[in-house]
């Protein structure tokens, strides 16, 4: 198989490239040159936001079995790239997001749930949900419903993370001492290891899959306790988890998802949207999710290899809880 990866030097794109190389695929990476591309790929340089930014792709004689695109900003960048490639590639896989569903999707929502309105393949940058939906529309418009796959990913964790969620928890555990652990301990989580996401994408290309797929672990795959206990163990066991009731956390003004990454309170619209999707369609087509401990261990190994500070995308908010706020909450009445 011949892959054209749009991006390919960070997080999801890099995982897709490494998985493709592992399968013996021929890989071309089109990127801006801000980060070094993985070894073993052919590189084309360009900036999709610039005038003539696709020149290297336009002038290249290559053809590909599949294009994978993770673009998250103005949908017209997906539109222009997909239109350029529709006669030179067999399939277009666009990595979208569960954020494209109209808020708030109910627990157990499938790919048939209503999506946001007001999105357009021709628009500039608007908001994340409409940008991703616009990217979906652009991919389908250029390649047709039968040659495009829309990967509606949920929470993505794993090595190379540049969003700040799992790296923050790992570094917090490594500091040790009492840790504000947001409860309940058995709170169900859904996430996808970036490498499992990558393998599913390549498998989808090989199978010729099309249409939308919710791409996240099955419900019950993980819990908040399983995730944080794995983080505490792999970082040396110096952290003492203090499980704290959701209402205590909310009353302290702590923001779920951002100040306490991954966590959202049970029973909320946010929890149903982020941790309660139906993924049976993806599972039926080969989705397999590795154990929580493996994701945590490998991410910690990568984080230590790069000196402990994870890269941070400039278009994503900072994550994590101020130590003074954490200490203040832990000093008061708590408990799950």
C-alpha atoms as a PDB file:
ATOM      1  CA  UNK A   1       0.000   0.000   0.000  1.00  0.00           C
ATOM      2  CA  UNK A   2       1.092   3.556  -0.716  1.00  0.00           C
ATOM      3  CA  UNK A   3       0.198   6.172   1.911  1.00  0.00           C
ATOM      4  CA  UNK A   4       0.205   9.940   1.659  1.00  0.00           C
ATOM      5  CA  UNK A   5       0.141  11.353   5.179  1.00  0.00           C
ATOM      6  CA  UNK A   6      -0.794  15.008   5.433  1.00  0.00           C
ATOM      7  CA  UNK A   7       1.219  16.034   8.472  1.00  0.00           C
ATOM      8  CA  UNK A   8       2.890  12.998   9.928  1.00  0.00           C
ATOM      9  CA  UNK A   9       5.443  14.511  12.291  1.00  0.00           C
ATOM     10  CA  UNK A  10       3.382  14.814  15.494  1.00  0.00           C
ATOM     11  CA  UNK A  11       1.005  12.705  17.621  1.00  0.00           C
ATOM     12  CA  UNK A  12      -1.721  11.098  15.445  1.00  0.00           C
ATOM     13  CA  UNK A  13       0.024  11.635  12.132  1.00  0.00           C
ATOM     14  CA  UNK A  14       3.303  10.274  13.429  1.00  0.00           C
ATOM     15  CA  UNK A  15       1.582   7.198  14.855  1.00  0.00           C
ATOM     16  CA  UNK A  16      -0.077   6.538  11.489  1.00  0.00           C
ATOM     17  CA  UNK A  17       3.258   6.869   9.678  1.00  0.00           C
ATOM     18  CA  UNK A  18       5.059   4.525  12.075  1.00  0.00           C
ATOM     19  CA  UNK A  19       2.259   1.961  11.847  1.00  0.00           C
ATOM     20  CA  UNK A  20       2.334   2.117   8.038  1.00  0.00           C
ATOM     21  CA  UNK A  21       6.107   1.680   7.949  1.00  0.00           C
ATOM     22  CA  UNK A  22       5.674  -1.261  10.293  1.00  0.00           C
ATOM     23  CA  UNK A  23       3.374  -2.859   7.724  1.00  0.00           C
ATOM     24  CA  UNK A  24       5.895  -2.327   4.960  1.00  0.00           C
ATOM     25  CA  UNK A  25       3.917   0.414   3.226  1.00  0.00           C
ATOM     26  CA  UNK A  26       5.482   3.109   1.055  1.00  0.00           C
ATOM     27  CA  UNK A  27       4.932   6.394   2.878  1.00  0.00           C
ATOM     28  CA  UNK A  28       5.036   9.973   1.652  1.00  0.00           C
ATOM     29  CA  UNK A  29       4.718  12.735   4.247  1.00  0.00           C
ATOM     30  CA  UNK A  30       3.540  16.217   3.255  1.00  0.00           C
ATOM     31  CA  UNK A  31       4.301  18.712   6.026  1.00  0.00           C
ATOM     32  CA  UNK A  32       5.557  22.194   6.790  1.00  0.00           C
ATOM     33  CA  UNK A  33       9.029  21.170   7.916  1.00  0.00           C
ATOM     34  CA  UNK A  34       8.674  22.432  11.488  1.00  0.00           C
ATOM     35  CA  UNK A  35       9.425  18.977  12.893  1.00  0.00           C
ATOM     36  CA  UNK A  36      11.582  16.169  11.615  1.00  0.00           C
ATOM     37  CA  UNK A  37       9.707  13.463   9.715  1.00  0.00           C
ATOM     38  CA  UNK A  38      10.128   9.821  10.769  1.00  0.00           C
ATOM     39  CA  UNK A  39      12.916   7.907   9.057  1.00  0.00           C
ATOM     40  CA  UNK A  40      11.990   5.823   6.069  1.00  0.00           C
ATOM     41  CA  UNK A  41       9.506   8.219   4.454  1.00  0.00           C
ATOM     42  CA  UNK A  42       9.596  10.386   1.357  1.00  0.00           C
ATOM     43  CA  UNK A  43       9.062  14.035   2.271  1.00  0.00           C
ATOM     44  CA  UNK A  44       7.213  16.813   0.466  1.00  0.00           C
ATOM     45  CA  UNK A  45       7.204  20.288   2.012  1.00  0.00           C
ATOM     46  CA  UNK A  46       4.363  22.783   1.879  1.00  0.00           C
ATOM     47  CA  UNK A  47       1.969  24.886   3.941  1.00  0.00           C
ATOM     48  CA  UNK A  48      -1.730  24.326   3.322  1.00  0.00           C
ATOM     49  CA  UNK A  49      -2.550  27.807   4.644  1.00  0.00           C
ATOM     50  CA  UNK A  50      -0.226  29.645   2.248  1.00  0.00           C
ATOM     51  CA  UNK A  51      -0.698  30.809  -1.315  1.00  0.00           C
ATOM     52  CA  UNK A  52       0.708  28.071  -3.557  1.00  0.00           C
ATOM     53  CA  UNK A  53       1.219  26.005  -0.407  1.00  0.00           C
ATOM     54  CA  UNK A  54       0.238  22.814  -2.247  1.00  0.00           C
ATOM     55  CA  UNK A  55       2.749  23.310  -5.050  1.00  0.00           C
ATOM     56  CA  UNK A  56       4.954  20.402  -3.976  1.00  0.00           C
ATOM     57  CA  UNK A  57       1.941  18.064  -4.056  1.00  0.00           C
ATOM     58  CA  UNK A  58       0.678  19.478  -7.321  1.00  0.00           C
ATOM     59  CA  UNK A  59       4.034  19.041  -9.053  1.00  0.00           C
ATOM     60  CA  UNK A  60       4.780  15.611  -7.609  1.00  0.00           C
ATOM     61  CA  UNK A  61       3.954  12.731  -9.991  1.00  0.00           C
ATOM     62  CA  UNK A  62       3.046  10.354  -7.159  1.00  0.00           C
ATOM     63  CA  UNK A  63      -0.183   8.415  -6.727  1.00  0.00           C
ATOM     64  CA  UNK A  64      -1.397   6.774  -3.536  1.00  0.00           C
ATOM     65  CA  UNK A  65      -3.782   4.101  -2.341  1.00  0.00           C
ATOM     66  CA  UNK A  66      -4.867   6.209   0.610  1.00  0.00           C
ATOM     67  CA  UNK A  67      -4.534   9.738   1.952  1.00  0.00           C
ATOM     68  CA  UNK A  68      -4.815  10.331   5.703  1.00  0.00           C
ATOM     69  CA  UNK A  69      -5.623  13.849   6.872  1.00  0.00           C
ATOM     70  CA  UNK A  70      -5.815  15.107  10.481  1.00  0.00           C
ATOM     71  CA  UNK A  71      -6.463  18.801   9.739  1.00  0.00           C
ATOM     72  CA  UNK A  72      -8.256  20.715  12.526  1.00  0.00           C
ATOM     73  CA  UNK A  73      -8.563  24.292  11.276  1.00  0.00           C
ATOM     74  CA  UNK A  74     -10.190  25.944   8.248  1.00  0.00           C
ATOM     75  CA  UNK A  75     -12.128  23.305   6.261  1.00  0.00           C
ATOM     76  CA  UNK A  76     -11.162  24.888   2.952  1.00  0.00           C
ATOM     77  CA  UNK A  77      -7.647  23.506   3.465  1.00  0.00           C
ATOM     78  CA  UNK A  78      -9.145  20.000   3.384  1.00  0.00           C
ATOM     79  CA  UNK A  79     -11.267  20.996   0.392  1.00  0.00           C
ATOM     80  CA  UNK A  80      -8.304  22.236  -1.639  1.00  0.00           C
ATOM     81  CA  UNK A  81      -6.097  19.251  -0.826  1.00  0.00           C
ATOM     82  CA  UNK A  82      -8.795  16.660  -1.417  1.00  0.00           C
ATOM     83  CA  UNK A  83      -9.773  18.186  -4.754  1.00  0.00           C
ATOM     84  CA  UNK A  84      -6.162  18.200  -5.855  1.00  0.00           C
ATOM     85  CA  UNK A  85      -5.727  14.525  -4.963  1.00  0.00           C
ATOM     86  CA  UNK A  86      -9.044  12.955  -5.963  1.00  0.00           C
ATOM     87  CA  UNK A  87      -7.670  11.697  -9.266  1.00  0.00           C
ATOM     88  CA  UNK A  88      -4.406  10.441  -7.764  1.00  0.00           C
ATOM     89  CA  UNK A  89      -5.529   8.593  -4.629  1.00  0.00           C
ATOM     90  CA  UNK A  90      -7.870   5.697  -4.073  1.00  0.00           C
ATOM     91  CA  UNK A  91      -9.293   6.705  -0.719  1.00  0.00           C
ATOM     92  CA  UNK A  92      -9.347   9.688   1.646  1.00  0.00           C
ATOM     93  CA  UNK A  93      -9.414   9.070   5.401  1.00  0.00           C
ATOM     94  CA  UNK A  94     -10.218  12.185   7.384  1.00  0.00           C
ATOM     95  CA  UNK A  95      -9.534  12.075  11.125  1.00  0.00           C
ATOM     96  CA  UNK A  96     -12.485  13.977  12.515  1.00  0.00           C
ATOM     97  CA  UNK A  97     -13.915  14.088  16.035  1.00  0.00           C
ATOM     98  CA  UNK A  98     -16.922  13.095  18.104  1.00  0.00           C
ATOM     99  CA  UNK A  99     -17.239  16.854  18.620  1.00  0.00           C
ATOM    100  CA  UNK A 100     -19.089  17.037  15.296  1.00  0.00           C
ATOM    101  CA  UNK A 101     -22.254  15.758  16.979  1.00  0.00           C
ATOM    102  CA  UNK A 102     -24.898  18.278  17.983  1.00  0.00           C
ATOM    103  CA  UNK A 103     -24.547  19.081  21.673  1.00  0.00           C
ATOM    104  CA  UNK A 104     -25.232  17.182  23.785  1.00  0.00           C
ATOM    105  CA  UNK A 105     -25.327  13.709  22.271  1.00  0.00           C
ATOM    106  CA  UNK A 106     -27.052  11.206  24.575  1.00  0.00           C
ATOM    107  CA  UNK A 107     -25.233   8.278  26.158  1.00  0.00           C
ATOM    108  CA  UNK A 108     -24.898   5.479  23.640  1.00  0.00           C
ATOM    109  CA  UNK A 109     -24.956   7.756  20.595  1.00  0.00           C
ATOM    110  CA  UNK A 110     -24.066   6.170  17.261  1.00  0.00           C
ATOM    111  CA  UNK A 111     -22.774   7.570  13.985  1.00  0.00           C
ATOM    112  CA  UNK A 112     -26.393   8.367  13.093  1.00  0.00           C
ATOM    113  CA  UNK A 113     -26.681  11.052  15.785  1.00  0.00           C
ATOM    114  CA  UNK A 114     -27.374  14.598  14.581  1.00  0.00           C
ATOM    115  CA  UNK A 115     -24.317  16.634  13.659  1.00  0.00           C
ATOM    116  CA  UNK A 116     -23.683  20.354  14.078  1.00  0.00           C
ATOM    117  CA  UNK A 117     -25.254  22.750  11.595  1.00  0.00           C
ATOM    118  CA  UNK A 118     -23.644  25.709   9.904  1.00  0.00           C
ATOM    119  CA  UNK A 119     -20.503  23.879   8.790  1.00  0.00           C
ATOM    120  CA  UNK A 120     -19.155  24.304   5.262  1.00  0.00           C
ATOM    121  CA  UNK A 121     -16.335  22.805   3.251  1.00  0.00           C
ATOM    122  CA  UNK A 122     -15.573  26.290   1.927  1.00  0.00           C
ATOM    123  CA  UNK A 123     -15.243  28.142   5.216  1.00  0.00           C
ATOM    124  CA  UNK A 124     -12.316  29.546   7.083  1.00  0.00           C
ATOM    125  CA  UNK A 125     -11.669  28.771  10.725  1.00  0.00           C
ATOM    126  CA  UNK A 126     -14.786  28.952  12.913  1.00  0.00           C
ATOM    127  CA  UNK A 127     -14.935  26.655  15.941  1.00  0.00           C
ATOM    128  CA  UNK A 128     -13.560  23.164  16.492  1.00  0.00           C
ATOM    129  CA  UNK A 129     -16.819  21.265  15.944  1.00  0.00           C
ATOM    130  CA  UNK A 130     -17.750  23.073  12.739  1.00  0.00           C
ATOM    131  CA  UNK A 131     -14.199  23.021  11.448  1.00  0.00           C
ATOM    132  CA  UNK A 132     -14.112  19.239  11.819  1.00  0.00           C
ATOM    133  CA  UNK A 133     -17.556  18.834  10.278  1.00  0.00           C
ATOM    134  CA  UNK A 134     -16.519  21.095   7.425  1.00  0.00           C
ATOM    135  CA  UNK A 135     -13.472  18.898   6.893  1.00  0.00           C
ATOM    136  CA  UNK A 136     -15.742  15.864   6.691  1.00  0.00           C
ATOM    137  CA  UNK A 137     -17.911  17.581   4.085  1.00  0.00           C
ATOM    138  CA  UNK A 138     -14.840  18.536   2.071  1.00  0.00           C
ATOM    139  CA  UNK A 139     -13.509  14.973   2.040  1.00  0.00           C
ATOM    140  CA  UNK A 140     -16.847  13.505   0.964  1.00  0.00           C
ATOM    141  CA  UNK A 141     -17.381  16.201  -1.656  1.00  0.00           C
ATOM    142  CA  UNK A 142     -14.051  15.462  -3.336  1.00  0.00           C
ATOM    143  CA  UNK A 143     -13.880  11.669  -3.009  1.00  0.00           C
ATOM    144  CA  UNK A 144     -17.511  10.707  -2.725  1.00  0.00           C
ATOM    145  CA  UNK A 145     -19.179   8.739   0.053  1.00  0.00           C
ATOM    146  CA  UNK A 146     -17.780   5.459  -1.273  1.00  0.00           C
ATOM    147  CA  UNK A 147     -14.106   6.546  -1.265  1.00  0.00           C
ATOM    148  CA  UNK A 148     -13.957   8.534   1.983  1.00  0.00           C
ATOM    149  CA  UNK A 149     -13.854   7.429   5.616  1.00  0.00           C
ATOM    150  CA  UNK A 150     -14.585   9.777   8.512  1.00  0.00           C
ATOM    151  CA  UNK A 151     -12.810   8.788  11.713  1.00  0.00           C
ATOM    152  CA  UNK A 152     -14.695  10.435  14.570  1.00  0.00           C
ATOM    153  CA  UNK A 153     -12.125  10.061  17.297  1.00  0.00           C
ATOM    154  CA  UNK A 154     -12.773  10.680  20.954  1.00  0.00           C
ATOM    155  CA  UNK A 155     -10.150  11.273  23.615  1.00  0.00           C
ATOM    156  CA  UNK A 156      -6.734  10.266  22.233  1.00  0.00           C
ATOM    157  CA  UNK A 157      -3.872   9.310  24.547  1.00  0.00           C
ATOM    158  CA  UNK A 158      -0.468   7.716  24.137  1.00  0.00           C
ATOM    159  CA  UNK A 159       3.130   8.433  23.116  1.00  0.00           C
ATOM    160  CA  UNK A 160       3.787  11.720  21.263  1.00  0.00           C
ATOM    161  CA  UNK A 161       0.780  13.397  22.893  1.00  0.00           C
ATOM    162  CA  UNK A 162       0.948  17.147  22.309  1.00  0.00           C
ATOM    163  CA  UNK A 163      -2.323  18.117  23.995  1.00  0.00           C
ATOM    164  CA  UNK A 164      -1.214  17.832  27.618  1.00  0.00           C
ATOM    165  CA  UNK A 165      -3.558  15.326  29.255  1.00  0.00           C
ATOM    166  CA  UNK A 166      -1.776  12.073  30.072  1.00  0.00           C
ATOM    167  CA  UNK A 167       1.651  13.782  30.278  1.00  0.00           C
ATOM    168  CA  UNK A 168       0.280  16.108  32.977  1.00  0.00           C
ATOM    169  CA  UNK A 169      -1.027  13.232  35.074  1.00  0.00           C
ATOM    170  CA  UNK A 170       2.240  11.329  34.723  1.00  0.00           C
ATOM    171  CA  UNK A 171       4.348  14.300  35.773  1.00  0.00           C
ATOM    172  CA  UNK A 172       1.978  15.026  38.655  1.00  0.00           C
ATOM    173  CA  UNK A 173       2.301  11.459  39.915  1.00  0.00           C
ATOM    174  CA  UNK A 174       6.066  11.621  39.555  1.00  0.00           C
ATOM    175  CA  UNK A 175       6.155  14.617  41.939  1.00  0.00           C
ATOM    176  CA  UNK A 176       4.586  12.380  44.572  1.00  0.00           C
ATOM    177  CA  UNK A 177       2.708  13.306  47.723  1.00  0.00           C
ATOM    178  CA  UNK A 178      -1.066  13.516  48.140  1.00  0.00           C
ATOM    179  CA  UNK A 179      -2.793  13.751  44.749  1.00  0.00           C
ATOM    180  CA  UNK A 180      -6.321  15.033  44.172  1.00  0.00           C
ATOM    181  CA  UNK A 181      -7.893  12.033  42.429  1.00  0.00           C
ATOM    182  CA  UNK A 182     -11.276  12.962  40.962  1.00  0.00           C
ATOM    183  CA  UNK A 183     -13.909  10.359  41.759  1.00  0.00           C
ATOM    184  CA  UNK A 184     -15.624   8.160  41.720  1.00  0.00           C
ATOM    185  CA  UNK A 185     -12.803   5.659  41.358  1.00  0.00           C
ATOM    186  CA  UNK A 186     -14.941   3.391  39.148  1.00  0.00           C
ATOM    187  CA  UNK A 187     -15.980   6.223  36.809  1.00  0.00           C
ATOM    188  CA  UNK A 188     -16.025   4.722  33.288  1.00  0.00           C
ATOM    189  CA  UNK A 189     -13.751   6.303  30.683  1.00  0.00           C
ATOM    190  CA  UNK A 190     -13.480   6.020  26.930  1.00  0.00           C
ATOM    191  CA  UNK A 191     -10.263   6.900  25.132  1.00  0.00           C
ATOM    192  CA  UNK A 192      -8.205   5.517  22.257  1.00  0.00           C
ATOM    193  CA  UNK A 193      -4.485   4.823  22.330  1.00  0.00           C
ATOM    194  CA  UNK A 194      -3.057   6.723  19.372  1.00  0.00           C
ATOM    195  CA  UNK A 195      -1.390   3.545  18.090  1.00  0.00           C
ATOM    196  CA  UNK A 196      -4.673   1.622  18.144  1.00  0.00           C
ATOM    197  CA  UNK A 197      -6.262   4.520  16.270  1.00  0.00           C
ATOM    198  CA  UNK A 198      -3.479   4.354  13.686  1.00  0.00           C
ATOM    199  CA  UNK A 199      -3.814   0.598  13.215  1.00  0.00           C
ATOM    200  CA  UNK A 200      -7.560   0.871  12.731  1.00  0.00           C
ATOM    201  CA  UNK A 201      -7.108   3.622  10.139  1.00  0.00           C
ATOM    202  CA  UNK A 202      -4.702   1.496   8.107  1.00  0.00           C
ATOM    203  CA  UNK A 203      -6.958  -1.524   8.429  1.00  0.00           C
ATOM    204  CA  UNK A 204      -9.887   0.559   7.242  1.00  0.00           C
ATOM    205  CA  UNK A 205      -7.891   1.566   4.173  1.00  0.00           C
ATOM    206  CA  UNK A 206      -7.006  -2.045   3.429  1.00  0.00           C
ATOM    207  CA  UNK A 207     -10.643  -3.085   3.778  1.00  0.00           C
ATOM    208  CA  UNK A 208     -11.917  -0.193   1.691  1.00  0.00           C
ATOM    209  CA  UNK A 209     -14.190   1.080   4.459  1.00  0.00           C
ATOM    210  CA  UNK A 210     -16.199   4.242   3.972  1.00  0.00           C
ATOM    211  CA  UNK A 211     -18.517   6.469   5.963  1.00  0.00           C
ATOM    212  CA  UNK A 212     -18.331   7.677   9.588  1.00  0.00           C
ATOM    213  CA  UNK A 213     -16.980   5.662  12.513  1.00  0.00           C
ATOM    214  CA  UNK A 214     -16.867   6.553  16.196  1.00  0.00           C
ATOM    215  CA  UNK A 215     -13.284   5.684  17.119  1.00  0.00           C
ATOM    216  CA  UNK A 216     -12.725   5.280  20.847  1.00  0.00           C
ATOM    217  CA  UNK A 217     -12.458   2.354  23.236  1.00  0.00           C
ATOM    218  CA  UNK A 218     -15.597   0.367  24.063  1.00  0.00           C
ATOM    219  CA  UNK A 219     -17.474   1.398  27.191  1.00  0.00           C
ATOM    220  CA  UNK A 220     -15.985  -0.402  30.181  1.00  0.00           C
ATOM    221  CA  UNK A 221     -12.471  -0.543  28.753  1.00  0.00           C
ATOM    222  CA  UNK A 222     -11.130   1.816  31.407  1.00  0.00           C
ATOM    223  CA  UNK A 223     -11.977   3.625  34.624  1.00  0.00           C
ATOM    224  CA  UNK A 224     -10.586   6.712  36.306  1.00  0.00           C
ATOM    225  CA  UNK A 225      -9.135   4.473  38.988  1.00  0.00           C
ATOM    226  CA  UNK A 226      -7.444   2.188  36.505  1.00  0.00           C
ATOM    227  CA  UNK A 227      -5.879   5.110  34.673  1.00  0.00           C
ATOM    228  CA  UNK A 228      -4.585   7.029  37.688  1.00  0.00           C
ATOM    229  CA  UNK A 229      -3.405   3.948  39.565  1.00  0.00           C
ATOM    230  CA  UNK A 230      -1.420   2.912  36.502  1.00  0.00           C
ATOM    231  CA  UNK A 231       0.103   6.405  36.380  1.00  0.00           C
ATOM    232  CA  UNK A 232       1.042   6.251  40.052  1.00  0.00           C
ATOM    233  CA  UNK A 233       2.610   2.823  39.710  1.00  0.00           C
ATOM    234  CA  UNK A 234       4.654   3.439  36.578  1.00  0.00           C
ATOM    235  CA  UNK A 235       6.130   6.679  37.947  1.00  0.00           C
ATOM    236  CA  UNK A 236       7.508   4.986  41.052  1.00  0.00           C
ATOM    237  CA  UNK A 237       4.650   4.799  43.520  1.00  0.00           C
ATOM    238  CA  UNK A 238       5.466   7.998  45.430  1.00  0.00           C
ATOM    239  CA  UNK A 239       2.001   9.469  44.809  1.00  0.00           C
ATOM    240  CA  UNK A 240      -0.846   8.982  47.282  1.00  0.00           C
ATOM    241  CA  UNK A 241      -4.207   9.082  45.528  1.00  0.00           C
ATOM    242  CA  UNK A 242      -6.856  10.942  47.523  1.00  0.00           C
ATOM    243  CA  UNK A 243     -10.181  10.090  45.904  1.00  0.00           C
ATOM    244  CA  UNK A 244     -12.415  13.131  46.069  1.00  0.00           C
ATOM    245  CA  UNK A 245     -16.150  13.450  45.462  1.00  0.00           C
ATOM    246  CA  UNK A 246     -17.195  15.212  42.257  1.00  0.00           C
ATOM    247  CA  UNK A 247     -19.230  17.846  44.070  1.00  0.00           C
ATOM    248  CA  UNK A 248     -16.275  18.816  46.249  1.00  0.00           C
ATOM    249  CA  UNK A 249     -14.232  19.375  43.090  1.00  0.00           C
ATOM    250  CA  UNK A 250     -16.951  21.374  41.363  1.00  0.00           C
ATOM    251  CA  UNK A 251     -17.648  23.479  44.479  1.00  0.00           C
ATOM    252  CA  UNK A 252     -13.947  24.404  44.505  1.00  0.00           C
ATOM    253  CA  UNK A 253     -14.332  25.912  41.051  1.00  0.00           C
ATOM    254  CA  UNK A 254     -12.074  23.345  39.387  1.00  0.00           C
ATOM    255  CA  UNK A 255     -12.811  22.880  35.695  1.00  0.00           C
ATOM    256  CA  UNK A 256     -13.383  19.307  34.564  1.00  0.00           C
ATOM    257  CA  UNK A 257     -11.469  18.105  31.481  1.00  0.00           C
ATOM    258  CA  UNK A 258      -8.939  20.954  31.505  1.00  0.00           C
ATOM    259  CA  UNK A 259      -7.734  21.461  35.093  1.00  0.00           C
ATOM    260  CA  UNK A 260      -8.235  17.762  35.809  1.00  0.00           C
ATOM    261  CA  UNK A 261      -7.528  16.243  32.385  1.00  0.00           C
ATOM    262  CA  UNK A 262      -9.667  13.338  31.161  1.00  0.00           C
ATOM    263  CA  UNK A 263     -12.098  13.624  34.105  1.00  0.00           C
ATOM    264  CA  UNK A 264     -15.662  14.893  33.820  1.00  0.00           C
ATOM    265  CA  UNK A 265     -18.317  14.411  36.501  1.00  0.00           C
ATOM    266  CA  UNK A 266     -20.610  11.393  36.226  1.00  0.00           C
ATOM    267  CA  UNK A 267     -24.178  11.949  35.122  1.00  0.00           C
ATOM    268  CA  UNK A 268     -23.336  15.119  33.197  1.00  0.00           C
ATOM    269  CA  UNK A 269     -23.884  15.922  29.530  1.00  0.00           C
ATOM    270  CA  UNK A 270     -20.125  16.213  29.252  1.00  0.00           C
ATOM    271  CA  UNK A 271     -19.575  12.671  30.506  1.00  0.00           C
ATOM    272  CA  UNK A 272     -22.179  11.237  28.128  1.00  0.00           C
ATOM    273  CA  UNK A 273     -20.593  13.077  25.208  1.00  0.00           C
ATOM    274  CA  UNK A 274     -16.980  12.190  25.997  1.00  0.00           C
ATOM    275  CA  UNK A 275     -17.175   8.771  27.622  1.00  0.00           C
ATOM    276  CA  UNK A 276     -20.385   7.064  26.480  1.00  0.00           C
ATOM    277  CA  UNK A 277     -20.279   6.656  22.693  1.00  0.00           C
ATOM    278  CA  UNK A 278     -21.404   3.525  20.868  1.00  0.00           C
ATOM    279  CA  UNK A 279     -18.383   2.119  19.019  1.00  0.00           C
ATOM    280  CA  UNK A 280     -19.851  -1.187  17.883  1.00  0.00           C
ATOM    281  CA  UNK A 281     -19.408  -0.253  14.219  1.00  0.00           C
ATOM    282  CA  UNK A 282     -15.652   0.230  14.650  1.00  0.00           C
ATOM    283  CA  UNK A 283     -15.295  -2.895  16.786  1.00  0.00           C
ATOM    284  CA  UNK A 284     -17.046  -4.936  14.088  1.00  0.00           C
ATOM    285  CA  UNK A 285     -14.443  -3.758  11.573  1.00  0.00           C
ATOM    286  CA  UNK A 286     -11.376  -4.612  13.628  1.00  0.00           C
ATOM    287  CA  UNK A 287     -10.924  -2.027  16.385  1.00  0.00           C
ATOM    288  CA  UNK A 288      -8.727  -3.484  19.134  1.00  0.00           C
ATOM    289  CA  UNK A 289      -7.664  -1.565  22.238  1.00  0.00           C
ATOM    290  CA  UNK A 290      -4.570  -2.333  24.290  1.00  0.00           C
ATOM    291  CA  UNK A 291      -4.672  -2.363  28.114  1.00  0.00           C
ATOM    292  CA  UNK A 292      -4.581   0.897  30.043  1.00  0.00           C
ATOM    293  CA  UNK A 293      -1.297  -0.065  31.707  1.00  0.00           C
ATOM    294  CA  UNK A 294       0.420  -0.420  28.331  1.00  0.00           C
ATOM    295  CA  UNK A 295      -0.682   3.024  27.182  1.00  0.00           C
ATOM    296  CA  UNK A 296       0.473   4.588  30.442  1.00  0.00           C
ATOM    297  CA  UNK A 297       3.795   2.733  30.571  1.00  0.00           C
ATOM    298  CA  UNK A 298       4.749   3.529  26.986  1.00  0.00           C
ATOM    299  CA  UNK A 299       3.769   7.187  27.332  1.00  0.00           C
ATOM    300  CA  UNK A 300       5.879   7.502  30.492  1.00  0.00           C
ATOM    301  CA  UNK A 301       8.849   5.894  28.733  1.00  0.00           C
ATOM    302  CA  UNK A 302       8.522   8.327  25.819  1.00  0.00           C
ATOM    303  CA  UNK A 303       8.108  11.287  28.174  1.00  0.00           C
ATOM    304  CA  UNK A 304      11.283  10.404  30.059  1.00  0.00           C
ATOM    305  CA  UNK A 305      13.154   9.888  26.789  1.00  0.00           C
ATOM    306  CA  UNK A 306      12.411  13.493  25.765  1.00  0.00           C
ATOM    307  CA  UNK A 307      13.337  14.963  29.151  1.00  0.00           C
ATOM    308  CA  UNK A 308       9.947  15.019  30.848  1.00  0.00           C
ATOM    309  CA  UNK A 309       8.360  17.950  29.033  1.00  0.00           C
ATOM    310  CA  UNK A 310       5.807  17.022  26.395  1.00  0.00           C
ATOM    311  CA  UNK A 311       5.359  19.138  23.269  1.00  0.00           C
ATOM    312  CA  UNK A 312       2.294  21.382  23.336  1.00  0.00           C
ATOM    313  CA  UNK A 313       0.162  22.346  20.367  1.00  0.00           C
ATOM    314  CA  UNK A 314      -0.226  26.145  20.307  1.00  0.00           C
ATOM    315  CA  UNK A 315      -3.906  25.842  19.338  1.00  0.00           C
ATOM    316  CA  UNK A 316      -4.833  23.807  22.438  1.00  0.00           C
ATOM    317  CA  UNK A 317      -5.401  25.077  25.971  1.00  0.00           C
ATOM    318  CA  UNK A 318      -2.972  24.359  28.794  1.00  0.00           C
ATOM    319  CA  UNK A 319      -3.974  21.484  31.058  1.00  0.00           C
ATOM    320  CA  UNK A 320      -3.504  20.811  34.733  1.00  0.00           C
ATOM    321  CA  UNK A 321      -4.306  21.962  38.243  1.00  0.00           C
ATOM    322  CA  UNK A 322      -2.426  24.615  40.175  1.00  0.00           C
ATOM    323  CA  UNK A 323      -0.623  22.959  43.142  1.00  0.00           C
ATOM    324  CA  UNK A 324      -2.001  25.569  45.545  1.00  0.00           C
ATOM    325  CA  UNK A 325      -5.588  24.852  44.495  1.00  0.00           C
ATOM    326  CA  UNK A 326      -4.963  21.125  44.821  1.00  0.00           C
ATOM    327  CA  UNK A 327      -3.520  21.529  48.314  1.00  0.00           C
ATOM    328  CA  UNK A 328      -6.404  23.720  49.424  1.00  0.00           C
ATOM    329  CA  UNK A 329      -9.011  21.200  48.294  1.00  0.00           C
ATOM    330  CA  UNK A 330      -7.145  18.300  49.864  1.00  0.00           C
ATOM    331  CA  UNK A 331      -6.952  20.181  53.169  1.00  0.00           C
ATOM    332  CA  UNK A 332     -10.724  20.426  53.372  1.00  0.00           C
ATOM    333  CA  UNK A 333     -13.417  17.754  53.772  1.00  0.00           C
ATOM    334  CA  UNK A 334     -13.334  15.335  50.854  1.00  0.00           C
ATOM    335  CA  UNK A 335     -14.166  11.711  50.133  1.00  0.00           C
ATOM    336  CA  UNK A 336     -15.939   9.895  47.343  1.00  0.00           C
END
